[in-house]
Amino acid sequence: MLDRIADKWSLLVIALLEEKTLRFGELSREIDGISKRMLTVTLRNLERDGLVRRTVYPEVPPRVEYELTSLGRTLLGTTQALVTWSEEHQEEIARAREAFETAAH
């Protein structure tokens, strides 16, 4: 479970679904750098684990929406803290990585 919850795509999906139900295209636009295949895999895994609910509406074309389940909502505090920490420290981490690469060569 830690592998699933701690991967960056799952964290971002959970954080985005905190406030509202979203369609696949909306999630895809909001998550910079995720491929459609990776988003599909991430959503399926979260659904399989009972964290995300997928609802298909019988329309033409079909409308599919994703929302957090009550179990998924129990992760919000934890995931939001990780996302916030990552955003606040991304420049510092980038500098550390650059310094490491420079020292390694």
PDB file of N, CA and C in Angstrom:
ATOM      1  N   MET A   1       0.823  -1.203   0.000  1.00  0.00           N
ATOM      2  CA  MET A   1       0.000   0.000   0.000  1.00  0.00           C
ATOM      3  C   MET A   1       0.859   1.256   0.000  1.00  0.00           C
ATOM      4  N   LEU A   2       1.981   1.227   0.704  1.00  0.00           N
ATOM      5  CA  LEU A   2       2.827   2.426   0.728  1.00  0.00           C
ATOM      6  C   LEU A   2       3.336   2.772  -0.665  1.00  0.00           C
ATOM      7  N   ASP A   3       3.673   1.753  -1.451  1.00  0.00           N
ATOM      8  CA  ASP A   3       4.105   2.027  -2.826  1.00  0.00           C
ATOM      9  C   ASP A   3       3.020   2.746  -3.603  1.00  0.00           C
ATOM     10  N   ARG A   4       1.786   2.322  -3.431  1.00  0.00           N
ATOM     11  CA  ARG A   4       0.671   2.916  -4.165  1.00  0.00           C
ATOM     12  C   ARG A   4       0.426   4.357  -3.716  1.00  0.00           C
ATOM     13  N   ILE A   5       0.312   4.545  -2.428  1.00  0.00           N
ATOM     14  CA  ILE A   5      -0.051   5.859  -1.905  1.00  0.00           C
ATOM     15  C   ILE A   5       1.084   6.858  -2.068  1.00  0.00           C
ATOM     16  N   ALA A   6       2.315   6.377  -1.933  1.00  0.00           N
ATOM     17  CA  ALA A   6       3.455   7.295  -1.940  1.00  0.00           C
ATOM     18  C   ALA A   6       3.952   7.643  -3.337  1.00  0.00           C
ATOM     19  N   ASP A   7       3.444   6.978  -4.387  1.00  0.00           N
ATOM     20  CA  ASP A   7       3.936   7.377  -5.704  1.00  0.00           C
ATOM     21  C   ASP A   7       3.346   8.734  -6.078  1.00  0.00           C
ATOM     22  N   LYS A   8       4.116   9.483  -6.843  1.00  0.00           N
ATOM     23  CA  LYS A   8       3.742  10.885  -7.084  1.00  0.00           C
ATOM     24  C   LYS A   8       2.412  11.038  -7.804  1.00  0.00           C
ATOM     25  N   TRP A   9       2.099  10.129  -8.727  1.00  0.00           N
ATOM     26  CA  TRP A   9       0.851  10.275  -9.470  1.00  0.00           C
ATOM     27  C   TRP A   9      -0.353  10.041  -8.567  1.00  0.00           C
ATOM     28  N   SER A  10      -0.274   9.021  -7.713  1.00  0.00           N
ATOM     29  CA  SER A  10      -1.390   8.755  -6.789  1.00  0.00           C
ATOM     30  C   SER A  10      -1.610   9.922  -5.848  1.00  0.00           C
ATOM     31  N   LEU A  11      -0.520  10.476  -5.333  1.00  0.00           N
ATOM     32  CA  LEU A  11      -0.635  11.629  -4.442  1.00  0.00           C
ATOM     33  C   LEU A  11      -1.344  12.790  -5.126  1.00  0.00           C
ATOM     34  N   LEU A  12      -0.969  13.053  -6.360  1.00  0.00           N
ATOM     35  CA  LEU A  12      -1.577  14.167  -7.084  1.00  0.00           C
ATOM     36  C   LEU A  12      -3.047  13.909  -7.399  1.00  0.00           C
ATOM     37  N   VAL A  13      -3.389  12.685  -7.781  1.00  0.00           N
ATOM     38  CA  VAL A  13      -4.791  12.353  -8.056  1.00  0.00           C
ATOM     39  C   VAL A  13      -5.619  12.523  -6.791  1.00  0.00           C
ATOM     40  N   ILE A  14      -5.146  11.975  -5.682  1.00  0.00           N
ATOM     41  CA  ILE A  14      -5.878  12.084  -4.417  1.00  0.00           C
ATOM     42  C   ILE A  14      -6.049  13.545  -4.021  1.00  0.00           C
ATOM     43  N   ALA A  15      -5.002  14.330  -4.161  1.00  0.00           N
ATOM     44  CA  ALA A  15      -5.076  15.752  -3.802  1.00  0.00           C
ATOM     45  C   ALA A  15      -6.093  16.484  -4.689  1.00  0.00           C
ATOM     46  N   LEU A  16      -6.104  16.174  -5.985  1.00  0.00           N
ATOM     47  CA  LEU A  16      -7.044  16.843  -6.898  1.00  0.00           C
ATOM     48  C   LEU A  16      -8.490  16.456  -6.637  1.00  0.00           C
ATOM     49  N   LEU A  17      -8.699  15.216  -6.221  1.00  0.00           N
ATOM     50  CA  LEU A  17     -10.064  14.753  -5.967  1.00  0.00           C
ATOM     51  C   LEU A  17     -10.569  15.150  -4.586  1.00  0.00           C
ATOM     52  N   GLU A  18      -9.746  15.865  -3.837  1.00  0.00           N
ATOM     53  CA  GLU A  18     -10.153  16.300  -2.495  1.00  0.00           C
ATOM     54  C   GLU A  18     -11.411  17.154  -2.531  1.00  0.00           C
ATOM     55  N   GLU A  19     -11.466  18.093  -3.440  1.00  0.00           N
ATOM     56  CA  GLU A  19     -12.542  19.076  -3.459  1.00  0.00           C
ATOM     57  C   GLU A  19     -13.746  18.686  -4.302  1.00  0.00           C
ATOM     58  N   LYS A  20     -13.500  17.915  -5.383  1.00  0.00           N
ATOM     59  CA  LYS A  20     -14.613  17.656  -6.296  1.00  0.00           C
ATOM     60  C   LYS A  20     -14.379  16.412  -7.122  1.00  0.00           C
ATOM     61  N   THR A  21     -15.440  15.973  -7.751  1.00  0.00           N
ATOM     62  CA  THR A  21     -15.405  14.867  -8.700  1.00  0.00           C
ATOM     63  C   THR A  21     -14.854  15.407 -10.018  1.00  0.00           C
ATOM     64  N   LEU A  22     -13.968  14.631 -10.651  1.00  0.00           N
ATOM     65  CA  LEU A  22     -13.361  15.075 -11.904  1.00  0.00           C
ATOM     66  C   LEU A  22     -13.450  13.991 -12.961  1.00  0.00           C
ATOM     67  N   ARG A  23     -13.474  14.422 -14.209  1.00  0.00           N
ATOM     68  CA  ARG A  23     -13.431  13.502 -15.343  1.00  0.00           C
ATOM     69  C   ARG A  23     -11.973  13.235 -15.704  1.00  0.00           C
ATOM     70  N   PHE A  24     -11.759  12.183 -16.494  1.00  0.00           N
ATOM     71  CA  PHE A  24     -10.415  11.783 -16.885  1.00  0.00           C
ATOM     72  C   PHE A  24      -9.655  12.941 -17.536  1.00  0.00           C
ATOM     73  N   GLY A  25     -10.286  13.609 -18.486  1.00  0.00           N
ATOM     74  CA  GLY A  25      -9.636  14.716 -19.190  1.00  0.00           C
ATOM     75  C   GLY A  25      -9.246  15.852 -18.262  1.00  0.00           C
ATOM     76  N   GLU A  26     -10.085  16.124 -17.276  1.00  0.00           N
ATOM     77  CA  GLU A  26      -9.776  17.180 -16.304  1.00  0.00           C
ATOM     78  C   GLU A  26      -8.557  16.796 -15.474  1.00  0.00           C
ATOM     79  N   LEU A  27      -8.516  15.543 -15.038  1.00  0.00           N
ATOM     80  CA  LEU A  27      -7.356  15.076 -14.276  1.00  0.00           C
ATOM     81  C   LEU A  27      -6.093  15.147 -15.132  1.00  0.00           C
ATOM     82  N   SER A  28      -6.209  14.721 -16.366  1.00  0.00           N
ATOM     83  CA  SER A  28      -5.070  14.725 -17.279  1.00  0.00           C
ATOM     84  C   SER A  28      -4.515  16.138 -17.482  1.00  0.00           C
ATOM     85  N   ARG A  29      -5.384  17.111 -17.622  1.00  0.00           N
ATOM     86  CA  ARG A  29      -4.946  18.503 -17.809  1.00  0.00           C
ATOM     87  C   ARG A  29      -4.309  19.074 -16.542  1.00  0.00           C
ATOM     88  N   GLU A  30      -4.786  18.658 -15.395  1.00  0.00           N
ATOM     89  CA  GLU A  30      -4.298  19.207 -14.127  1.00  0.00           C
ATOM     90  C   GLU A  30      -2.959  18.622 -13.684  1.00  0.00           C
ATOM     91  N   ILE A  31      -2.641  17.407 -14.144  1.00  0.00           N
ATOM     92  CA  ILE A  31      -1.417  16.739 -13.701  1.00  0.00           C
ATOM     93  C   ILE A  31      -0.368  16.859 -14.795  1.00  0.00           C
ATOM     94  N   ASP A  32       0.538  17.792 -14.612  1.00  0.00           N
ATOM     95  CA  ASP A  32       1.574  18.064 -15.599  1.00  0.00           C
ATOM     96  C   ASP A  32       2.515  16.872 -15.728  1.00  0.00           C
ATOM     97  N   GLY A  33       2.702  16.417 -16.960  1.00  0.00           N
ATOM     98  CA  GLY A  33       3.685  15.376 -17.221  1.00  0.00           C
ATOM     99  C   GLY A  33       3.175  13.942 -17.167  1.00  0.00           C
ATOM    100  N   ILE A  34       1.933  13.727 -16.811  1.00  0.00           N
ATOM    101  CA  ILE A  34       1.421  12.358 -16.746  1.00  0.00           C
ATOM    102  C   ILE A  34       0.892  11.944 -18.122  1.00  0.00           C
ATOM    103  N   SER A  35       1.246  10.732 -18.533  1.00  0.00           N
ATOM    104  CA  SER A  35       0.721  10.214 -19.796  1.00  0.00           C
ATOM    105  C   SER A  35      -0.693   9.677 -19.554  1.00  0.00           C
ATOM    106  N   LYS A  36      -1.449   9.550 -20.614  1.00  0.00           N
ATOM    107  CA  LYS A  36      -2.803   9.016 -20.485  1.00  0.00           C
ATOM    108  C   LYS A  36      -2.759   7.580 -19.960  1.00  0.00           C
ATOM    109  N   ARG A  37      -1.785   6.812 -20.410  1.00  0.00           N
ATOM    110  CA  ARG A  37      -1.651   5.442 -19.938  1.00  0.00           C
ATOM    111  C   ARG A  37      -1.352   5.395 -18.443  1.00  0.00           C
ATOM    112  N   MET A  38      -0.428   6.241 -17.981  1.00  0.00           N
ATOM    113  CA  MET A  38      -0.076   6.245 -16.562  1.00  0.00           C
ATOM    114  C   MET A  38      -1.252   6.715 -15.706  1.00  0.00           C
ATOM    115  N   LEU A  39      -2.010   7.686 -16.200  1.00  0.00           N
ATOM    116  CA  LEU A  39      -3.192   8.130 -15.462  1.00  0.00           C
ATOM    117  C   LEU A  39      -4.213   7.000 -15.372  1.00  0.00           C
ATOM    118  N   THR A  40      -4.399   6.273 -16.459  1.00  0.00           N
ATOM    119  CA  THR A  40      -5.324   5.137 -16.455  1.00  0.00           C
ATOM    120  C   THR A  40      -4.885   4.084 -15.443  1.00  0.00           C
ATOM    121  N   VAL A  41      -3.610   3.735 -15.448  1.00  0.00           N
ATOM    122  CA  VAL A  41      -3.081   2.738 -14.504  1.00  0.00           C
ATOM    123  C   VAL A  41      -3.243   3.220 -13.069  1.00  0.00           C
ATOM    124  N   THR A  42      -2.928   4.476 -12.830  1.00  0.00           N
ATOM    125  CA  THR A  42      -3.036   5.046 -11.474  1.00  0.00           C
ATOM    126  C   THR A  42      -4.478   5.009 -10.987  1.00  0.00           C
ATOM    127  N   LEU A  43      -5.408   5.448 -11.827  1.00  0.00           N
ATOM    128  CA  LEU A  43      -6.815   5.452 -11.433  1.00  0.00           C
ATOM    129  C   LEU A  43      -7.333   4.037 -11.184  1.00  0.00           C
ATOM    130  N   ARG A  44      -6.947   3.098 -12.028  1.00  0.00           N
ATOM    131  CA  ARG A  44      -7.378   1.702 -11.829  1.00  0.00           C
ATOM    132  C   ARG A  44      -6.856   1.146 -10.510  1.00  0.00           C
ATOM    133  N   ASN A  45      -5.596   1.419 -10.204  1.00  0.00           N
ATOM    134  CA  ASN A  45      -5.023   0.929  -8.947  1.00  0.00           C
ATOM    135  C   ASN A  45      -5.711   1.550  -7.739  1.00  0.00           C
ATOM    136  N   LEU A  46      -5.976   2.847  -7.800  1.00  0.00           N
ATOM    137  CA  LEU A  46      -6.659   3.517  -6.696  1.00  0.00           C
ATOM    138  C   LEU A  46      -8.091   3.000  -6.549  1.00  0.00           C
ATOM    139  N   GLU A  47      -8.730   2.707  -7.678  1.00  0.00           N
ATOM    140  CA  GLU A  47     -10.083   2.149  -7.633  1.00  0.00           C
ATOM    141  C   GLU A  47     -10.048   0.737  -7.042  1.00  0.00           C
ATOM    142  N   ARG A  48      -9.094  -0.067  -7.478  1.00  0.00           N
ATOM    143  CA  ARG A  48      -8.967  -1.439  -6.974  1.00  0.00           C
ATOM    144  C   ARG A  48      -8.754  -1.467  -5.465  1.00  0.00           C
ATOM    145  N   ASP A  49      -8.001  -0.492  -4.959  1.00  0.00           N
ATOM    146  CA  ASP A  49      -7.717  -0.427  -3.525  1.00  0.00           C
ATOM    147  C   ASP A  49      -8.838   0.218  -2.721  1.00  0.00           C
ATOM    148  N   GLY A  50      -9.898   0.643  -3.396  1.00  0.00           N
ATOM    149  CA  GLY A  50     -11.046   1.217  -2.696  1.00  0.00           C
ATOM    150  C   GLY A  50     -10.893   2.676  -2.319  1.00  0.00           C
ATOM    151  N   LEU A  51      -9.936   3.368  -2.948  1.00  0.00           N
ATOM    152  CA  LEU A  51      -9.675   4.767  -2.613  1.00  0.00           C
ATOM    153  C   LEU A  51     -10.400   5.739  -3.537  1.00  0.00           C
ATOM    154  N   VAL A  52     -10.684   5.293  -4.755  1.00  0.00           N
ATOM    155  CA  VAL A  52     -11.348   6.127  -5.756  1.00  0.00           C
ATOM    156  C   VAL A  52     -12.541   5.353  -6.314  1.00  0.00           C
ATOM    157  N   ARG A  53     -13.633   6.072  -6.549  1.00  0.00           N
ATOM    158  CA  ARG A  53     -14.826   5.490  -7.157  1.00  0.00           C
ATOM    159  C   ARG A  53     -14.943   6.013  -8.586  1.00  0.00           C
ATOM    160  N   ARG A  54     -15.151   5.105  -9.512  1.00  0.00           N
ATOM    161  CA  ARG A  54     -15.332   5.433 -10.930  1.00  0.00           C
ATOM    162  C   ARG A  54     -16.809   5.240 -11.263  1.00  0.00           C
ATOM    163  N   THR A  55     -17.426   6.285 -11.797  1.00  0.00           N
ATOM    164  CA  THR A  55     -18.836   6.215 -12.171  1.00  0.00           C
ATOM    165  C   THR A  55     -18.960   6.468 -13.667  1.00  0.00           C
ATOM    166  N   VAL A  56     -19.611   5.523 -14.358  1.00  0.00           N
ATOM    167  CA  VAL A  56     -19.839   5.648 -15.795  1.00  0.00           C
ATOM    168  C   VAL A  56     -21.312   5.985 -16.005  1.00  0.00           C
ATOM    169  N   TYR A  57     -21.564   7.053 -16.735  1.00  0.00           N
ATOM    170  CA  TYR A  57     -22.931   7.475 -17.045  1.00  0.00           C
ATOM    171  C   TYR A  57     -23.289   7.007 -18.454  1.00  0.00           C
ATOM    172  N   PRO A  58     -24.441   6.369 -18.608  1.00  0.00           N
ATOM    173  CA  PRO A  58     -24.835   5.824 -19.917  1.00  0.00           C
ATOM    174  C   PRO A  58     -25.304   6.920 -20.871  1.00  0.00           C
ATOM    175  N   GLU A  59     -24.365   7.672 -21.359  1.00  0.00           N
ATOM    176  CA  GLU A  59     -24.639   8.750 -22.304  1.00  0.00           C
ATOM    177  C   GLU A  59     -23.828   8.496 -23.561  1.00  0.00           C
ATOM    178  N   VAL A  60     -24.106   9.237 -24.598  1.00  0.00           N
ATOM    179  CA  VAL A  60     -23.308   9.162 -25.813  1.00  0.00           C
ATOM    180  C   VAL A  60     -22.697  10.517 -26.060  1.00  0.00           C
ATOM    181  N   PRO A  61     -21.370  10.657 -26.001  1.00  0.00           N
ATOM    182  CA  PRO A  61     -20.415   9.637 -25.585  1.00  0.00           C
ATOM    183  C   PRO A  61     -20.494   9.407 -24.064  1.00  0.00           C
ATOM    184  N   PRO A  62     -20.008   8.236 -23.603  1.00  0.00           N
ATOM    185  CA  PRO A  62     -20.079   7.940 -22.166  1.00  0.00           C
ATOM    186  C   PRO A  62     -19.317   8.976 -21.346  1.00  0.00           C
ATOM    187  N   ARG A  63     -19.872   9.320 -20.227  1.00  0.00           N
ATOM    188  CA  ARG A  63     -19.213  10.247 -19.297  1.00  0.00           C
ATOM    189  C   ARG A  63     -18.735   9.414 -18.114  1.00  0.00           C
ATOM    190  N   VAL A  64     -17.454   9.573 -17.768  1.00  0.00           N
ATOM    191  CA  VAL A  64     -16.853   8.841 -16.650  1.00  0.00           C
ATOM    192  C   VAL A  64     -16.297   9.858 -15.658  1.00  0.00           C
ATOM    193  N   GLU A  65     -16.663   9.697 -14.403  1.00  0.00           N
ATOM    194  CA  GLU A  65     -16.190  10.605 -13.350  1.00  0.00           C
ATOM    195  C   GLU A  65     -15.495   9.818 -12.252  1.00  0.00           C
ATOM    196  N   TYR A  66     -14.567  10.489 -11.600  1.00  0.00           N
ATOM    197  CA  TYR A  66     -13.806   9.891 -10.506  1.00  0.00           C
ATOM    198  C   TYR A  66     -13.970  10.743  -9.259  1.00  0.00           C
ATOM    199  N   GLU A  67     -14.114  10.073  -8.119  1.00  0.00           N
ATOM    200  CA  GLU A  67     -14.220  10.763  -6.842  1.00  0.00           C
ATOM    201  C   GLU A  67     -13.574   9.913  -5.767  1.00  0.00           C
ATOM    202  N   LEU A  68     -13.180  10.557  -4.689  1.00  0.00           N
ATOM    203  CA  LEU A  68     -12.625   9.818  -3.560  1.00  0.00           C
ATOM    204  C   LEU A  68     -13.732   9.080  -2.829  1.00  0.00           C
ATOM    205  N   THR A  69     -13.420   7.893  -2.360  1.00  0.00           N
ATOM    206  CA  THR A  69     -14.337   7.157  -1.493  1.00  0.00           C
ATOM    207  C   THR A  69     -14.128   7.657  -0.064  1.00  0.00           C
ATOM    208  N   SER A  70     -14.946   7.185   0.849  1.00  0.00           N
ATOM    209  CA  SER A  70     -14.733   7.571   2.251  1.00  0.00           C
ATOM    210  C   SER A  70     -13.377   7.068   2.736  1.00  0.00           C
ATOM    211  N   LEU A  71     -12.946   5.902   2.278  1.00  0.00           N
ATOM    212  CA  LEU A  71     -11.616   5.406   2.638  1.00  0.00           C
ATOM    213  C   LEU A  71     -10.535   6.317   2.062  1.00  0.00           C
ATOM    214  N   GLY A  72     -10.698   6.731   0.810  1.00  0.00           N
ATOM    215  CA  GLY A  72      -9.740   7.642   0.184  1.00  0.00           C
ATOM    216  C   GLY A  72      -9.640   8.967   0.917  1.00  0.00           C
ATOM    217  N   ARG A  73     -10.761   9.446   1.439  1.00  0.00           N
ATOM    218  CA  ARG A  73     -10.773  10.726   2.172  1.00  0.00           C
ATOM    219  C   ARG A  73      -9.958  10.658   3.460  1.00  0.00           C
ATOM    220  N   THR A  74      -9.800   9.453   4.020  1.00  0.00           N
ATOM    221  CA  THR A  74      -9.001   9.343   5.249  1.00  0.00           C
ATOM    222  C   THR A  74      -7.527   9.628   4.991  1.00  0.00           C
ATOM    223  N   LEU A  75      -7.111   9.625   3.736  1.00  0.00           N
ATOM    224  CA  LEU A  75      -5.710   9.897   3.375  1.00  0.00           C
ATOM    225  C   LEU A  75      -5.416  11.369   3.128  1.00  0.00           C
ATOM    226  N   LEU A  76      -6.436  12.189   3.077  1.00  0.00           N
ATOM    227  CA  LEU A  76      -6.248  13.575   2.637  1.00  0.00           C
ATOM    228  C   LEU A  76      -5.228  14.350   3.453  1.00  0.00           C
ATOM    229  N   GLY A  77      -5.285  14.262   4.757  1.00  0.00           N
ATOM    230  CA  GLY A  77      -4.331  15.002   5.574  1.00  0.00           C
ATOM    231  C   GLY A  77      -2.901  14.582   5.300  1.00  0.00           C
ATOM    232  N   THR A  78      -2.690  13.293   5.199  1.00  0.00           N
ATOM    233  CA  THR A  78      -1.358  12.756   4.945  1.00  0.00           C
ATOM    234  C   THR A  78      -0.858  13.131   3.561  1.00  0.00           C
ATOM    235  N   THR A  79      -1.687  12.927   2.542  1.00  0.00           N
ATOM    236  CA  THR A  79      -1.244  13.209   1.181  1.00  0.00           C
ATOM    237  C   THR A  79      -1.043  14.703   0.966  1.00  0.00           C
ATOM    238  N   GLN A  80      -1.912  15.515   1.537  1.00  0.00           N
ATOM    239  CA  GLN A  80      -1.765  16.955   1.358  1.00  0.00           C
ATOM    240  C   GLN A  80      -0.480  17.449   2.001  1.00  0.00           C
ATOM    241  N   ALA A  81      -0.133  16.897   3.147  1.00  0.00           N
ATOM    242  CA  ALA A  81       1.126  17.278   3.807  1.00  0.00           C
ATOM    243  C   ALA A  81       2.319  16.933   2.916  1.00  0.00           C
ATOM    244  N   LEU A  82       2.304  15.769   2.279  1.00  0.00           N
ATOM    245  CA  LEU A  82       3.403  15.378   1.385  1.00  0.00           C
ATOM    246  C   LEU A  82       3.470  16.264   0.151  1.00  0.00           C
ATOM    247  N   VAL A  83       2.321  16.555  -0.446  1.00  0.00           N
ATOM    248  CA  VAL A  83       2.288  17.415  -1.630  1.00  0.00           C
ATOM    249  C   VAL A  83       2.795  18.816  -1.273  1.00  0.00           C
ATOM    250  N   THR A  84       2.345  19.356  -0.163  1.00  0.00           N
ATOM    251  CA  THR A  84       2.772  20.691   0.274  1.00  0.00           C
ATOM    252  C   THR A  84       4.268  20.717   0.523  1.00  0.00           C
ATOM    253  N   TRP A  85       4.768  19.699   1.233  1.00  0.00           N
ATOM    254  CA  TRP A  85       6.206  19.630   1.513  1.00  0.00           C
ATOM    255  C   TRP A  85       6.996  19.589   0.208  1.00  0.00           C
ATOM    256  N   SER A  86       6.544  18.770  -0.747  1.00  0.00           N
ATOM    257  CA  SER A  86       7.237  18.652  -2.034  1.00  0.00           C
ATOM    258  C   SER A  86       7.264  19.984  -2.777  1.00  0.00           C
ATOM    259  N   GLU A  87       6.143  20.679  -2.779  1.00  0.00           N
ATOM    260  CA  GLU A  87       6.077  21.973  -3.459  1.00  0.00           C
ATOM    261  C   GLU A  87       6.986  22.991  -2.790  1.00  0.00           C
ATOM    262  N   GLU A  88       6.999  23.015  -1.467  1.00  0.00           N
ATOM    263  CA  GLU A  88       7.801  23.988  -0.723  1.00  0.00           C
ATOM    264  C   GLU A  88       9.298  23.745  -0.867  1.00  0.00           C
ATOM    265  N   HIS A  89       9.700  22.510  -1.094  1.00  0.00           N
ATOM    266  CA  HIS A  89      11.128  22.176  -1.098  1.00  0.00           C
ATOM    267  C   HIS A  89      11.671  21.743  -2.457  1.00  0.00           C
ATOM    268  N   GLN A  90      10.881  21.872  -3.514  1.00  0.00           N
ATOM    269  CA  GLN A  90      11.332  21.383  -4.812  1.00  0.00           C
ATOM    270  C   GLN A  90      12.590  22.079  -5.314  1.00  0.00           C
ATOM    271  N   GLU A  91      12.726  23.375  -5.080  1.00  0.00           N
ATOM    272  CA  GLU A  91      13.931  24.088  -5.534  1.00  0.00           C
ATOM    273  C   GLU A  91      15.150  23.654  -4.739  1.00  0.00           C
ATOM    274  N   GLU A  92      14.992  23.478  -3.443  1.00  0.00           N
ATOM    275  CA  GLU A  92      16.086  23.026  -2.593  1.00  0.00           C
ATOM    276  C   GLU A  92      16.543  21.611  -2.992  1.00  0.00           C
ATOM    277  N   ILE A  93      15.596  20.759  -3.295  1.00  0.00           N
ATOM    278  CA  ILE A  93      15.913  19.401  -3.726  1.00  0.00           C
ATOM    279  C   ILE A  93      16.626  19.429  -5.073  1.00  0.00           C
ATOM    280  N   ALA A  94      16.163  20.269  -5.981  1.00  0.00           N
ATOM    281  CA  ALA A  94      16.815  20.392  -7.288  1.00  0.00           C
ATOM    282  C   ALA A  94      18.261  20.844  -7.129  1.00  0.00           C
ATOM    283  N   ARG A  95      18.505  21.805  -6.230  1.00  0.00           N
ATOM    284  CA  ARG A  95      19.885  22.262  -5.980  1.00  0.00           C
ATOM    285  C   ARG A  95      20.728  21.138  -5.385  1.00  0.00           C
ATOM    286  N   ALA A  96      20.179  20.385  -4.470  1.00  0.00           N
ATOM    287  CA  ALA A  96      20.913  19.274  -3.857  1.00  0.00           C
ATOM    288  C   ALA A  96      21.261  18.217  -4.903  1.00  0.00           C
ATOM    289  N   ARG A  97      20.340  17.917  -5.782  1.00  0.00           N
ATOM    290  CA  ARG A  97      20.593  16.935  -6.837  1.00  0.00           C
ATOM    291  C   ARG A  97      21.688  17.419  -7.778  1.00  0.00           C
ATOM    292  N   GLU A  98      21.623  18.699  -8.115  1.00  0.00           N
ATOM    293  CA  GLU A  98      22.624  19.281  -9.004  1.00  0.00           C
ATOM    294  C   GLU A  98      24.009  19.233  -8.351  1.00  0.00           C
ATOM    295  N   ALA A  99      24.082  19.571  -7.080  1.00  0.00           N
ATOM    296  CA  ALA A  99      25.353  19.528  -6.366  1.00  0.00           C
ATOM    297  C   ALA A  99      25.879  18.094  -6.287  1.00  0.00           C
ATOM    298  N   PHE A 100      24.997  17.148  -6.078  1.00  0.00           N
ATOM    299  CA  PHE A 100      25.400  15.742  -6.014  1.00  0.00           C
ATOM    300  C   PHE A 100      25.979  15.295  -7.350  1.00  0.00           C
ATOM    301  N   GLU A 101      25.270  15.627  -8.445  1.00  0.00           N
ATOM    302  CA  GLU A 101      25.737  15.235  -9.782  1.00  0.00           C
ATOM    303  C   GLU A 101      27.077  15.882 -10.109  1.00  0.00           C
ATOM    304  N   THR A 102      27.250  17.137  -9.728  1.00  0.00           N
ATOM    305  CA  THR A 102      28.503  17.838  -9.978  1.00  0.00           C
ATOM    306  C   THR A 102      29.648  17.179  -9.200  1.00  0.00           C
ATOM    307  N   ALA A 103      29.403  16.831  -7.953  1.00  0.00           N
ATOM    308  CA  ALA A 103      30.432  16.200  -7.118  1.00  0.00           C
ATOM    309  C   ALA A 103      30.751  14.781  -7.581  1.00  0.00           C
ATOM    310  N   ALA A 104      29.763  14.098  -8.160  1.00  0.00           N
ATOM    311  CA  ALA A 104      29.957  12.708  -8.590  1.00  0.00           C
ATOM    312  C   ALA A 104      30.788  12.607  -9.858  1.00  0.00           C
ATOM    313  N   HIS A 105      30.894  13.706 -10.595  1.00  0.00           N
ATOM    314  CA  HIS A 105      31.658  13.661 -11.862  1.00  0.00           C
ATOM    315  C   HIS A 105      32.962  14.304 -11.712  1.00  0.00           C
TER     316      HIS A 105
END
